[in-house]
């Protein structure tokens, strides 16, 4: 887990959808997240969650694992089917090692057990923003997301930066800067990198929400 880069309140505002069948808990989330500047929408059931995400995809979903008849693992599976790269944080009052193992297999960013302090939740959101490049200006998010997609594709092939440089014609230093999210590649460089990795730039942009 990455360290929090600064106080949670200093993070860029995030768009968040929280699904929980407890109205008191949904209200509690507003008291925690609204003052921190986050844009929180709440849902009481999975159907409302999917509708909210279809209407406007959030940066983060806060997912309760126990919602009456709805199984959180099934909801998580549907989220992964529709939005594979969406950042999900599991929130539950019934933590167990088995549940944790199953959720992390479905690429959950983190797991927060109720009851938790406001600082606990804000810290996890801060870490998610850092890891996924969430919040901030669109160009900041795009730099971080493209860097992450290129790094994942490169490491998936077992390539080093030098390997990618040799195949793409883009310098190692430039590739390193792009993967760190410090530099936005030109259209020409992006096409050269994507061609070398046998990827479609459009899929990277879509995964980044653009």
N, C-alpha and C. Protein backbone atom coordinates (compact mmCIF):
# COMPACT_ATOMS: atom_id res chain seq x y z
N UNK A 1 0.84 -1.19 0.00
CA UNK A 1 0.00 0.00 0.00
C UNK A 1 0.87 1.24 0.00
N UNK A 2 0.53 2.21 -0.86
CA UNK A 2 1.31 3.43 -0.90
C UNK A 2 1.00 4.29 0.31
N UNK A 3 1.98 5.10 0.71
CA UNK A 3 1.76 6.01 1.82
C UNK A 3 0.91 7.17 1.36
N UNK A 4 0.12 7.71 2.24
CA UNK A 4 -0.68 8.88 1.93
C UNK A 4 0.24 10.05 1.64
N UNK A 5 0.07 10.74 0.48
CA UNK A 5 0.97 11.78 0.11
C UNK A 5 0.83 13.04 0.92
N UNK A 6 -0.24 13.16 1.66
CA UNK A 6 -0.45 14.36 2.47
C UNK A 6 -1.74 14.20 3.21
N UNK A 7 -2.17 15.19 3.99
CA UNK A 7 -3.44 15.10 4.68
C UNK A 7 -4.57 14.84 3.70
N UNK A 8 -5.50 13.99 4.13
CA UNK A 8 -6.55 13.57 3.21
C UNK A 8 -7.33 14.75 2.67
N UNK A 9 -7.52 15.79 3.47
CA UNK A 9 -8.30 16.93 3.04
C UNK A 9 -7.65 17.70 1.91
N UNK A 10 -6.37 17.49 1.65
CA UNK A 10 -5.68 18.20 0.59
C UNK A 10 -5.82 17.51 -0.75
N UNK A 11 -6.46 16.36 -0.81
CA UNK A 11 -6.62 15.64 -2.05
C UNK A 11 -7.62 16.34 -2.94
N UNK A 12 -7.48 16.13 -4.26
CA UNK A 12 -8.47 16.64 -5.19
C UNK A 12 -9.81 15.97 -4.91
N UNK A 13 -10.92 16.69 -5.11
CA UNK A 13 -12.24 16.09 -4.90
C UNK A 13 -12.45 14.88 -5.81
N UNK A 14 -13.09 13.86 -5.29
CA UNK A 14 -13.39 12.66 -6.05
C UNK A 14 -14.89 12.54 -6.26
N UNK A 15 -15.27 11.92 -7.35
CA UNK A 15 -16.65 11.54 -7.59
C UNK A 15 -16.82 10.13 -7.03
N UNK A 16 -17.76 9.98 -6.09
CA UNK A 16 -17.91 8.71 -5.36
C UNK A 16 -19.38 8.28 -5.39
N UNK A 17 -19.60 7.00 -5.62
CA UNK A 17 -20.93 6.41 -5.43
C UNK A 17 -20.81 5.36 -4.34
N UNK A 18 -21.65 5.48 -3.32
CA UNK A 18 -21.65 4.52 -2.21
C UNK A 18 -22.97 3.76 -2.23
N UNK A 19 -22.90 2.44 -2.16
CA UNK A 19 -24.11 1.63 -2.13
C UNK A 19 -24.17 0.91 -0.78
N UNK A 20 -25.26 1.17 -0.05
CA UNK A 20 -25.46 0.59 1.28
C UNK A 20 -26.94 0.67 1.59
N UNK A 21 -27.50 -0.41 2.17
CA UNK A 21 -28.95 -0.42 2.43
C UNK A 21 -29.33 0.25 3.74
N UNK A 22 -28.36 0.77 4.49
CA UNK A 22 -28.61 1.42 5.76
C UNK A 22 -28.66 2.94 5.55
N UNK A 23 -29.85 3.57 5.67
CA UNK A 23 -29.95 5.02 5.43
C UNK A 23 -29.12 5.84 6.40
N UNK A 24 -28.99 5.38 7.64
CA UNK A 24 -28.17 6.12 8.61
C UNK A 24 -26.70 6.12 8.20
N UNK A 25 -26.24 5.00 7.66
CA UNK A 25 -24.84 4.94 7.24
C UNK A 25 -24.63 5.82 6.00
N UNK A 26 -25.59 5.84 5.10
CA UNK A 26 -25.47 6.70 3.92
C UNK A 26 -25.39 8.16 4.35
N UNK A 27 -26.17 8.53 5.34
CA UNK A 27 -26.12 9.90 5.86
C UNK A 27 -24.78 10.18 6.53
N UNK A 28 -24.27 9.19 7.26
CA UNK A 28 -22.96 9.33 7.90
C UNK A 28 -21.88 9.59 6.86
N UNK A 29 -21.94 8.89 5.74
CA UNK A 29 -20.94 9.09 4.69
C UNK A 29 -20.98 10.53 4.19
N UNK A 30 -22.16 11.10 4.08
CA UNK A 30 -22.26 12.50 3.66
C UNK A 30 -21.58 13.42 4.68
N UNK A 31 -21.75 13.13 5.96
CA UNK A 31 -21.13 14.00 6.97
C UNK A 31 -19.61 13.91 6.94
N UNK A 32 -19.09 12.78 6.45
CA UNK A 32 -17.63 12.60 6.35
C UNK A 32 -17.09 13.17 5.05
N UNK A 33 -17.76 12.88 3.93
CA UNK A 33 -17.20 13.17 2.62
C UNK A 33 -17.57 14.54 2.07
N UNK A 34 -18.75 15.04 2.40
CA UNK A 34 -19.15 16.36 1.88
C UNK A 34 -18.21 17.47 2.35
N UNK A 35 -17.89 17.54 3.66
CA UNK A 35 -16.97 18.61 4.10
C UNK A 35 -15.59 18.51 3.48
N UNK A 36 -15.18 17.30 3.07
CA UNK A 36 -13.87 17.13 2.44
C UNK A 36 -13.88 17.52 0.97
N UNK A 37 -15.06 17.92 0.46
CA UNK A 37 -15.16 18.39 -0.91
C UNK A 37 -15.46 17.32 -1.94
N UNK A 38 -15.68 16.08 -1.48
CA UNK A 38 -15.96 15.00 -2.43
C UNK A 38 -17.41 15.07 -2.92
N UNK A 39 -17.63 14.61 -4.14
CA UNK A 39 -18.96 14.57 -4.75
C UNK A 39 -19.54 13.18 -4.51
N UNK A 40 -20.39 13.07 -3.47
CA UNK A 40 -20.92 11.77 -3.08
C UNK A 40 -22.36 11.60 -3.55
N UNK A 41 -22.59 10.47 -4.25
CA UNK A 41 -23.95 10.03 -4.56
C UNK A 41 -24.15 8.69 -3.85
N UNK A 42 -25.34 8.45 -3.33
CA UNK A 42 -25.58 7.21 -2.60
C UNK A 42 -26.68 6.40 -3.28
N UNK A 43 -26.58 5.08 -3.10
CA UNK A 43 -27.56 4.15 -3.64
C UNK A 43 -27.92 3.15 -2.54
N UNK A 44 -29.19 2.76 -2.49
CA UNK A 44 -29.64 1.84 -1.46
C UNK A 44 -29.66 0.39 -1.93
N UNK A 45 -29.47 0.18 -3.23
CA UNK A 45 -29.49 -1.18 -3.76
C UNK A 45 -28.65 -1.23 -5.03
N UNK A 46 -28.31 -2.43 -5.50
CA UNK A 46 -27.45 -2.55 -6.68
C UNK A 46 -28.01 -1.88 -7.92
N UNK A 47 -29.34 -1.95 -8.14
CA UNK A 47 -29.92 -1.34 -9.34
C UNK A 47 -29.65 0.16 -9.36
N UNK A 48 -29.78 0.80 -8.20
CA UNK A 48 -29.50 2.24 -8.13
C UNK A 48 -28.02 2.53 -8.37
N UNK A 49 -27.17 1.63 -7.89
CA UNK A 49 -25.73 1.79 -8.12
C UNK A 49 -25.42 1.74 -9.61
N UNK A 50 -25.94 0.74 -10.31
CA UNK A 50 -25.66 0.61 -11.74
C UNK A 50 -26.20 1.82 -12.50
N UNK A 51 -27.39 2.28 -12.11
CA UNK A 51 -27.98 3.45 -12.78
C UNK A 51 -27.11 4.68 -12.58
N UNK A 52 -26.61 4.86 -11.35
CA UNK A 52 -25.76 6.01 -11.07
C UNK A 52 -24.47 5.96 -11.88
N UNK A 53 -23.88 4.77 -11.99
CA UNK A 53 -22.63 4.61 -12.75
C UNK A 53 -22.86 4.80 -14.24
N UNK A 54 -24.01 4.33 -14.74
CA UNK A 54 -24.32 4.52 -16.16
C UNK A 54 -24.53 6.00 -16.47
N UNK A 55 -25.16 6.71 -15.53
CA UNK A 55 -25.43 8.13 -15.72
C UNK A 55 -24.14 8.94 -15.74
N UNK A 56 -23.25 8.67 -14.79
CA UNK A 56 -21.97 9.38 -14.71
C UNK A 56 -21.00 8.49 -13.94
N UNK A 57 -20.00 7.98 -14.64
CA UNK A 57 -19.08 7.04 -14.01
C UNK A 57 -18.27 7.75 -12.92
N UNK A 58 -18.28 7.21 -11.70
CA UNK A 58 -17.54 7.85 -10.61
C UNK A 58 -16.06 7.48 -10.64
N UNK A 59 -15.29 8.15 -9.81
CA UNK A 59 -13.89 7.75 -9.60
C UNK A 59 -13.81 6.51 -8.74
N UNK A 60 -14.69 6.42 -7.73
CA UNK A 60 -14.62 5.34 -6.74
C UNK A 60 -16.02 4.86 -6.40
N UNK A 61 -16.17 3.56 -6.22
CA UNK A 61 -17.39 2.98 -5.66
C UNK A 61 -17.08 2.45 -4.27
N UNK A 62 -17.89 2.85 -3.29
CA UNK A 62 -17.84 2.28 -1.94
C UNK A 62 -18.93 1.22 -1.87
N UNK A 63 -18.52 -0.03 -1.72
CA UNK A 63 -19.46 -1.16 -1.85
C UNK A 63 -19.64 -1.88 -0.53
N UNK A 64 -20.89 -1.89 -0.04
CA UNK A 64 -21.23 -2.69 1.14
C UNK A 64 -21.42 -4.14 0.69
N UNK A 65 -20.86 -5.07 1.45
CA UNK A 65 -20.92 -6.47 1.05
C UNK A 65 -22.18 -7.18 1.54
N UNK A 66 -22.95 -6.55 2.43
CA UNK A 66 -24.17 -7.17 2.95
C UNK A 66 -25.33 -6.21 2.79
N UNK A 67 -26.21 -6.48 1.80
CA UNK A 67 -27.35 -5.60 1.53
C UNK A 67 -28.62 -6.42 1.38
N UNK A 68 -29.15 -6.91 2.49
CA UNK A 68 -30.35 -7.70 2.42
C UNK A 68 -30.13 -8.95 1.59
N UNK A 69 -30.93 -9.09 0.52
CA UNK A 69 -30.83 -10.27 -0.32
C UNK A 69 -29.68 -10.18 -1.32
N UNK A 70 -29.15 -8.98 -1.51
CA UNK A 70 -28.09 -8.79 -2.50
C UNK A 70 -26.74 -9.21 -1.91
N UNK A 71 -26.01 -10.02 -2.64
CA UNK A 71 -24.69 -10.44 -2.23
C UNK A 71 -23.65 -9.48 -2.82
N UNK A 72 -22.82 -8.93 -1.95
CA UNK A 72 -21.82 -7.98 -2.41
C UNK A 72 -20.89 -8.57 -3.45
N UNK A 73 -20.57 -9.86 -3.31
CA UNK A 73 -19.67 -10.50 -4.29
C UNK A 73 -20.30 -10.52 -5.68
N UNK A 74 -21.63 -10.73 -5.74
CA UNK A 74 -22.31 -10.71 -7.04
C UNK A 74 -22.31 -9.31 -7.64
N UNK A 75 -22.53 -8.31 -6.77
CA UNK A 75 -22.51 -6.91 -7.23
C UNK A 75 -21.12 -6.55 -7.75
N UNK A 76 -20.11 -6.98 -7.02
CA UNK A 76 -18.75 -6.71 -7.43
C UNK A 76 -18.45 -7.36 -8.78
N UNK A 77 -18.92 -8.57 -8.97
CA UNK A 77 -18.72 -9.25 -10.24
C UNK A 77 -19.37 -8.49 -11.39
N UNK A 78 -20.55 -7.93 -11.15
CA UNK A 78 -21.24 -7.17 -12.20
C UNK A 78 -20.51 -5.86 -12.48
N UNK A 79 -19.98 -5.22 -11.43
CA UNK A 79 -19.18 -4.01 -11.64
C UNK A 79 -17.97 -4.33 -12.51
N UNK A 80 -17.30 -5.43 -12.20
CA UNK A 80 -16.11 -5.79 -12.97
C UNK A 80 -16.47 -6.14 -14.42
N UNK A 81 -17.65 -6.69 -14.63
CA UNK A 81 -18.07 -7.01 -16.00
C UNK A 81 -18.32 -5.74 -16.80
N UNK A 82 -18.97 -4.76 -16.16
CA UNK A 82 -19.33 -3.54 -16.88
C UNK A 82 -18.20 -2.52 -16.92
N UNK A 83 -17.49 -2.39 -15.81
CA UNK A 83 -16.46 -1.35 -15.70
C UNK A 83 -15.20 -1.98 -15.09
N UNK A 84 -14.41 -2.68 -15.89
CA UNK A 84 -13.29 -3.48 -15.36
C UNK A 84 -12.26 -2.66 -14.58
N UNK A 85 -12.07 -1.39 -14.94
CA UNK A 85 -11.00 -0.61 -14.32
C UNK A 85 -11.49 0.30 -13.19
N UNK A 86 -12.77 0.26 -12.88
CA UNK A 86 -13.32 1.15 -11.86
C UNK A 86 -12.74 0.82 -10.48
N UNK A 87 -12.33 1.85 -9.76
CA UNK A 87 -11.77 1.67 -8.41
C UNK A 87 -12.89 1.35 -7.43
N UNK A 88 -12.77 0.21 -6.75
CA UNK A 88 -13.79 -0.23 -5.78
C UNK A 88 -13.14 -0.39 -4.41
N UNK A 89 -13.79 0.20 -3.40
CA UNK A 89 -13.38 0.02 -2.00
C UNK A 89 -14.53 -0.68 -1.29
N UNK A 90 -14.26 -1.83 -0.71
CA UNK A 90 -15.28 -2.58 0.01
C UNK A 90 -15.42 -2.04 1.43
N UNK A 91 -16.66 -1.81 1.84
CA UNK A 91 -16.97 -1.35 3.20
C UNK A 91 -17.95 -2.33 3.80
N UNK A 92 -17.62 -2.91 4.95
CA UNK A 92 -18.51 -3.92 5.52
C UNK A 92 -18.40 -3.97 7.03
N UNK A 93 -19.49 -4.36 7.67
CA UNK A 93 -19.49 -4.57 9.11
C UNK A 93 -19.28 -6.03 9.46
N UNK A 94 -19.05 -6.87 8.43
CA UNK A 94 -18.88 -8.30 8.66
C UNK A 94 -17.58 -8.79 8.00
N UNK A 95 -16.45 -8.28 8.44
CA UNK A 95 -15.19 -8.66 7.80
C UNK A 95 -14.81 -10.10 8.12
N UNK A 96 -14.22 -10.74 7.13
CA UNK A 96 -13.68 -12.08 7.34
C UNK A 96 -12.52 -12.27 6.37
N UNK A 97 -11.61 -13.15 6.73
CA UNK A 97 -10.46 -13.40 5.86
C UNK A 97 -10.90 -13.97 4.52
N UNK A 98 -11.90 -14.83 4.54
CA UNK A 98 -12.36 -15.44 3.29
C UNK A 98 -12.97 -14.39 2.37
N UNK A 99 -13.78 -13.49 2.95
CA UNK A 99 -14.36 -12.42 2.15
C UNK A 99 -13.29 -11.53 1.56
N UNK A 100 -12.28 -11.23 2.37
CA UNK A 100 -11.18 -10.40 1.89
C UNK A 100 -10.46 -11.08 0.73
N UNK A 101 -10.21 -12.36 0.86
CA UNK A 101 -9.53 -13.08 -0.22
C UNK A 101 -10.33 -13.04 -1.50
N UNK A 102 -11.63 -13.27 -1.39
CA UNK A 102 -12.48 -13.31 -2.57
C UNK A 102 -12.57 -11.94 -3.25
N UNK A 103 -12.70 -10.88 -2.44
CA UNK A 103 -12.84 -9.55 -3.03
C UNK A 103 -11.54 -9.10 -3.68
N UNK A 104 -10.41 -9.40 -3.06
CA UNK A 104 -9.15 -8.98 -3.67
C UNK A 104 -8.87 -9.74 -4.96
N UNK A 105 -9.42 -10.94 -5.09
CA UNK A 105 -9.30 -11.66 -6.35
C UNK A 105 -10.02 -10.92 -7.47
N UNK A 106 -11.01 -10.11 -7.09
CA UNK A 106 -11.76 -9.33 -8.08
C UNK A 106 -11.24 -7.90 -8.15
N UNK A 107 -9.99 -7.71 -7.78
CA UNK A 107 -9.30 -6.44 -7.99
C UNK A 107 -9.93 -5.30 -7.20
N UNK A 108 -10.23 -5.55 -5.93
CA UNK A 108 -10.67 -4.48 -5.03
C UNK A 108 -9.46 -3.71 -4.55
N UNK A 109 -9.58 -2.38 -4.50
CA UNK A 109 -8.42 -1.58 -4.09
C UNK A 109 -8.12 -1.75 -2.61
N UNK A 110 -9.17 -1.68 -1.78
CA UNK A 110 -8.95 -1.80 -0.33
C UNK A 110 -10.24 -2.25 0.33
N UNK A 111 -10.14 -2.50 1.63
CA UNK A 111 -11.20 -3.14 2.42
C UNK A 111 -11.28 -2.39 3.74
N UNK A 112 -12.43 -1.75 4.01
CA UNK A 112 -12.59 -0.95 5.22
C UNK A 112 -13.67 -1.59 6.09
N UNK A 113 -13.33 -1.93 7.32
CA UNK A 113 -14.28 -2.58 8.22
C UNK A 113 -15.01 -1.55 9.07
N UNK A 114 -16.33 -1.67 9.15
CA UNK A 114 -17.12 -0.83 10.05
C UNK A 114 -16.96 -1.34 11.48
N UNK A 115 -16.98 -0.46 12.48
CA UNK A 115 -16.98 1.00 12.35
C UNK A 115 -15.58 1.51 12.04
N UNK A 116 -15.51 2.61 11.33
CA UNK A 116 -14.22 3.21 11.01
C UNK A 116 -14.31 4.71 11.29
N UNK A 117 -13.17 5.32 11.49
CA UNK A 117 -13.14 6.75 11.74
C UNK A 117 -13.17 7.50 10.41
N UNK A 118 -13.59 8.76 10.41
CA UNK A 118 -13.52 9.55 9.17
C UNK A 118 -12.13 9.56 8.57
N UNK A 119 -11.10 9.67 9.42
CA UNK A 119 -9.73 9.70 8.90
C UNK A 119 -9.37 8.40 8.20
N UNK A 120 -9.89 7.26 8.70
CA UNK A 120 -9.61 5.98 8.06
C UNK A 120 -10.11 5.97 6.62
N UNK A 121 -11.35 6.41 6.42
CA UNK A 121 -11.94 6.41 5.09
C UNK A 121 -11.25 7.42 4.18
N UNK A 122 -11.00 8.62 4.69
CA UNK A 122 -10.34 9.64 3.88
C UNK A 122 -8.93 9.22 3.49
N UNK A 123 -8.27 8.49 4.37
CA UNK A 123 -6.92 8.02 4.06
C UNK A 123 -6.96 7.01 2.91
N UNK A 124 -7.91 6.08 2.94
CA UNK A 124 -8.04 5.10 1.87
C UNK A 124 -8.35 5.79 0.54
N UNK A 125 -9.24 6.78 0.56
CA UNK A 125 -9.57 7.51 -0.66
C UNK A 125 -8.36 8.28 -1.18
N UNK A 126 -7.58 8.83 -0.27
CA UNK A 126 -6.36 9.53 -0.66
C UNK A 126 -5.39 8.58 -1.36
N UNK A 127 -5.25 7.37 -0.80
CA UNK A 127 -4.37 6.38 -1.39
C UNK A 127 -4.89 5.91 -2.74
N UNK A 128 -6.21 5.78 -2.87
CA UNK A 128 -6.80 5.39 -4.15
C UNK A 128 -6.56 6.47 -5.20
N UNK A 129 -6.71 7.74 -4.80
CA UNK A 129 -6.47 8.84 -5.73
C UNK A 129 -5.04 8.83 -6.22
N UNK A 130 -4.11 8.55 -5.30
CA UNK A 130 -2.70 8.50 -5.66
C UNK A 130 -2.40 7.32 -6.60
N UNK A 131 -2.96 6.17 -6.28
CA UNK A 131 -2.67 4.96 -7.06
C UNK A 131 -3.29 5.00 -8.45
N UNK A 132 -4.50 5.57 -8.57
CA UNK A 132 -5.22 5.55 -9.84
C UNK A 132 -5.17 6.88 -10.59
N UNK A 133 -4.54 7.89 -9.97
CA UNK A 133 -4.50 9.20 -10.61
C UNK A 133 -5.88 9.83 -10.70
N UNK A 134 -6.67 9.69 -9.62
CA UNK A 134 -8.04 10.17 -9.63
C UNK A 134 -8.12 11.63 -9.19
N UNK A 135 -9.21 12.27 -9.56
CA UNK A 135 -9.40 13.66 -9.19
C UNK A 135 -8.53 14.58 -10.02
N UNK A 136 -8.54 15.84 -9.66
CA UNK A 136 -7.70 16.80 -10.36
C UNK A 136 -8.23 17.14 -11.74
N UNK A 137 -7.37 17.77 -12.56
CA UNK A 137 -7.77 18.19 -13.89
C UNK A 137 -7.82 16.98 -14.83
N UNK A 138 -8.64 17.06 -15.89
CA UNK A 138 -8.72 15.93 -16.82
C UNK A 138 -7.36 15.53 -17.38
N UNK A 139 -6.51 16.53 -17.70
CA UNK A 139 -5.20 16.18 -18.26
C UNK A 139 -4.31 15.47 -17.25
N UNK A 140 -4.48 15.81 -15.95
CA UNK A 140 -3.72 15.10 -14.92
C UNK A 140 -4.16 13.64 -14.82
N UNK A 141 -5.47 13.44 -14.86
CA UNK A 141 -5.99 12.07 -14.80
C UNK A 141 -5.57 11.28 -16.02
N UNK A 142 -5.58 11.94 -17.19
CA UNK A 142 -5.21 11.25 -18.42
C UNK A 142 -3.74 10.82 -18.38
N UNK A 143 -2.85 11.69 -17.92
CA UNK A 143 -1.44 11.34 -17.83
C UNK A 143 -1.23 10.12 -16.95
N UNK A 144 -1.87 10.14 -15.78
CA UNK A 144 -1.70 9.04 -14.84
C UNK A 144 -2.28 7.74 -15.40
N UNK A 145 -3.47 7.83 -16.01
CA UNK A 145 -4.13 6.63 -16.52
C UNK A 145 -3.38 6.03 -17.71
N UNK A 146 -2.90 6.87 -18.63
CA UNK A 146 -2.15 6.36 -19.77
C UNK A 146 -0.84 5.72 -19.31
N UNK A 147 -0.17 6.37 -18.37
CA UNK A 147 1.07 5.80 -17.85
C UNK A 147 0.85 4.43 -17.24
N UNK A 148 -0.25 4.30 -16.50
CA UNK A 148 -0.56 3.02 -15.86
C UNK A 148 -0.88 1.96 -16.90
N UNK A 149 -1.67 2.31 -17.94
CA UNK A 149 -2.03 1.34 -18.97
C UNK A 149 -0.80 0.88 -19.75
N UNK A 150 0.09 1.81 -20.08
CA UNK A 150 1.30 1.44 -20.83
C UNK A 150 2.20 0.55 -19.98
N UNK A 151 2.34 0.89 -18.70
CA UNK A 151 3.18 0.08 -17.82
C UNK A 151 2.63 -1.33 -17.68
N UNK A 152 1.30 -1.46 -17.52
CA UNK A 152 0.68 -2.78 -17.38
C UNK A 152 0.88 -3.60 -18.65
N UNK A 153 0.72 -2.98 -19.81
CA UNK A 153 0.90 -3.69 -21.07
C UNK A 153 2.35 -4.12 -21.25
N UNK A 154 3.26 -3.21 -20.91
CA UNK A 154 4.69 -3.54 -21.06
C UNK A 154 5.09 -4.69 -20.14
N UNK A 155 4.73 -4.58 -18.85
CA UNK A 155 5.13 -5.62 -17.90
C UNK A 155 4.41 -6.93 -18.19
N UNK A 156 3.20 -6.84 -18.77
CA UNK A 156 2.49 -8.06 -19.15
C UNK A 156 3.24 -8.84 -20.21
N UNK A 157 4.01 -8.15 -21.03
CA UNK A 157 4.83 -8.81 -22.04
C UNK A 157 6.18 -9.24 -21.49
N UNK A 158 6.47 -8.80 -20.25
CA UNK A 158 7.77 -9.11 -19.68
C UNK A 158 8.88 -8.24 -20.23
N UNK A 159 8.51 -7.06 -20.76
CA UNK A 159 9.48 -6.15 -21.35
C UNK A 159 10.02 -5.17 -20.32
N UNK A 160 11.25 -4.79 -20.48
CA UNK A 160 11.82 -3.67 -19.73
C UNK A 160 11.54 -2.39 -20.51
N UNK A 161 11.84 -1.26 -19.88
CA UNK A 161 11.70 0.01 -20.61
C UNK A 161 12.59 0.04 -21.85
N UNK A 162 13.77 -0.55 -21.72
CA UNK A 162 14.67 -0.58 -22.87
C UNK A 162 14.09 -1.42 -24.00
N UNK A 163 13.46 -2.54 -23.66
CA UNK A 163 12.81 -3.37 -24.69
C UNK A 163 11.75 -2.56 -25.43
N UNK A 164 10.92 -1.85 -24.67
CA UNK A 164 9.86 -1.06 -25.30
C UNK A 164 10.46 0.06 -26.15
N UNK A 165 11.54 0.65 -25.67
CA UNK A 165 12.21 1.71 -26.42
C UNK A 165 12.71 1.18 -27.76
N UNK A 166 13.32 0.01 -27.74
CA UNK A 166 13.86 -0.57 -28.97
C UNK A 166 12.77 -0.90 -29.99
N UNK A 167 11.60 -1.32 -29.48
CA UNK A 167 10.51 -1.70 -30.38
C UNK A 167 9.71 -0.49 -30.86
N UNK A 168 9.67 0.58 -30.05
CA UNK A 168 8.83 1.72 -30.38
C UNK A 168 9.58 2.90 -30.98
N UNK A 169 10.87 3.00 -30.68
CA UNK A 169 11.63 4.15 -31.13
C UNK A 169 11.52 5.35 -30.22
N UNK A 170 10.81 5.20 -29.10
CA UNK A 170 10.69 6.26 -28.09
C UNK A 170 11.77 6.04 -27.05
N UNK A 171 12.44 7.11 -26.64
CA UNK A 171 13.58 6.97 -25.74
C UNK A 171 13.17 6.41 -24.38
N UNK A 172 14.12 5.77 -23.71
CA UNK A 172 13.87 5.20 -22.39
C UNK A 172 13.47 6.29 -21.40
N UNK A 173 14.14 7.42 -21.44
CA UNK A 173 13.82 8.50 -20.50
C UNK A 173 12.41 9.03 -20.73
N UNK A 174 12.01 9.15 -21.99
CA UNK A 174 10.65 9.62 -22.29
C UNK A 174 9.62 8.60 -21.85
N UNK A 175 9.89 7.31 -22.10
CA UNK A 175 8.96 6.26 -21.68
C UNK A 175 8.82 6.25 -20.16
N UNK A 176 9.94 6.41 -19.45
CA UNK A 176 9.89 6.42 -17.99
C UNK A 176 9.03 7.57 -17.49
N UNK A 177 9.18 8.74 -18.11
CA UNK A 177 8.40 9.91 -17.72
C UNK A 177 6.92 9.69 -18.00
N UNK A 178 6.61 9.06 -19.13
CA UNK A 178 5.21 8.79 -19.49
C UNK A 178 4.59 7.81 -18.50
N UNK A 179 5.31 6.74 -18.18
CA UNK A 179 4.77 5.72 -17.27
C UNK A 179 4.56 6.27 -15.86
N UNK A 180 5.39 7.21 -15.44
CA UNK A 180 5.22 7.82 -14.11
C UNK A 180 4.06 8.80 -14.08
N UNK A 181 3.50 9.12 -15.24
CA UNK A 181 2.43 10.10 -15.30
C UNK A 181 2.93 11.53 -15.25
N UNK A 182 4.23 11.72 -15.45
CA UNK A 182 4.81 13.06 -15.40
C UNK A 182 4.73 13.76 -16.75
N UNK A 183 4.51 13.00 -17.80
CA UNK A 183 4.56 13.56 -19.15
C UNK A 183 3.46 12.93 -19.99
N UNK A 184 2.70 13.76 -20.71
CA UNK A 184 1.66 13.26 -21.60
C UNK A 184 2.26 13.04 -22.98
N UNK A 185 2.19 11.82 -23.52
CA UNK A 185 2.83 11.57 -24.82
C UNK A 185 2.12 12.31 -25.94
N UNK A 186 2.87 12.67 -26.96
CA UNK A 186 2.27 13.22 -28.17
C UNK A 186 1.47 12.11 -28.85
N UNK A 187 0.61 12.51 -29.78
CA UNK A 187 -0.16 11.52 -30.52
C UNK A 187 0.77 10.56 -31.26
N UNK A 188 1.83 11.11 -31.84
CA UNK A 188 2.79 10.27 -32.58
C UNK A 188 3.46 9.26 -31.65
N UNK A 189 3.92 9.72 -30.47
CA UNK A 189 4.57 8.81 -29.53
C UNK A 189 3.60 7.75 -29.03
N UNK A 190 2.37 8.16 -28.75
CA UNK A 190 1.36 7.22 -28.27
C UNK A 190 1.11 6.12 -29.30
N UNK A 191 1.02 6.50 -30.58
CA UNK A 191 0.80 5.51 -31.63
C UNK A 191 2.00 4.56 -31.76
N UNK A 192 3.21 5.11 -31.63
CA UNK A 192 4.41 4.28 -31.72
C UNK A 192 4.46 3.27 -30.58
N UNK A 193 4.11 3.72 -29.37
CA UNK A 193 4.12 2.84 -28.20
C UNK A 193 3.04 1.75 -28.35
N UNK A 194 1.84 2.19 -28.74
CA UNK A 194 0.73 1.24 -28.87
C UNK A 194 1.02 0.19 -29.95
N UNK A 195 1.60 0.63 -31.05
CA UNK A 195 1.93 -0.31 -32.13
C UNK A 195 2.95 -1.33 -31.66
N UNK A 196 3.95 -0.87 -30.92
CA UNK A 196 4.98 -1.79 -30.41
C UNK A 196 4.38 -2.83 -29.47
N UNK A 197 3.38 -2.42 -28.70
CA UNK A 197 2.76 -3.31 -27.73
C UNK A 197 1.56 -4.06 -28.30
N UNK A 198 1.24 -3.80 -29.58
CA UNK A 198 0.09 -4.44 -30.24
C UNK A 198 -1.19 -4.12 -29.48
N UNK A 199 -1.33 -2.85 -29.11
CA UNK A 199 -2.51 -2.37 -28.40
C UNK A 199 -3.20 -1.29 -29.21
N UNK A 200 -4.46 -1.00 -28.86
CA UNK A 200 -5.21 0.08 -29.48
C UNK A 200 -5.23 1.28 -28.54
N UNK A 201 -4.72 2.44 -28.98
CA UNK A 201 -4.76 3.62 -28.10
C UNK A 201 -6.17 3.94 -27.62
N UNK A 202 -7.17 3.65 -28.47
CA UNK A 202 -8.55 3.95 -28.08
C UNK A 202 -8.97 3.16 -26.85
N UNK A 203 -8.46 1.94 -26.70
CA UNK A 203 -8.81 1.13 -25.52
C UNK A 203 -8.19 1.73 -24.27
N UNK A 204 -6.97 2.28 -24.39
CA UNK A 204 -6.34 2.94 -23.24
C UNK A 204 -7.13 4.18 -22.84
N UNK A 205 -7.55 4.95 -23.84
CA UNK A 205 -8.33 6.17 -23.55
C UNK A 205 -9.67 5.82 -22.92
N UNK A 206 -10.31 4.76 -23.43
CA UNK A 206 -11.59 4.35 -22.86
C UNK A 206 -11.43 3.90 -21.42
N UNK A 207 -10.36 3.15 -21.15
CA UNK A 207 -10.11 2.68 -19.78
C UNK A 207 -9.85 3.85 -18.85
N UNK A 208 -9.32 4.95 -19.41
CA UNK A 208 -9.05 6.14 -18.61
C UNK A 208 -10.29 7.02 -18.46
N UNK A 209 -11.39 6.63 -19.11
CA UNK A 209 -12.63 7.39 -19.00
C UNK A 209 -12.74 8.52 -19.99
N UNK A 210 -11.99 8.45 -21.09
CA UNK A 210 -12.03 9.51 -22.11
C UNK A 210 -12.55 8.96 -23.44
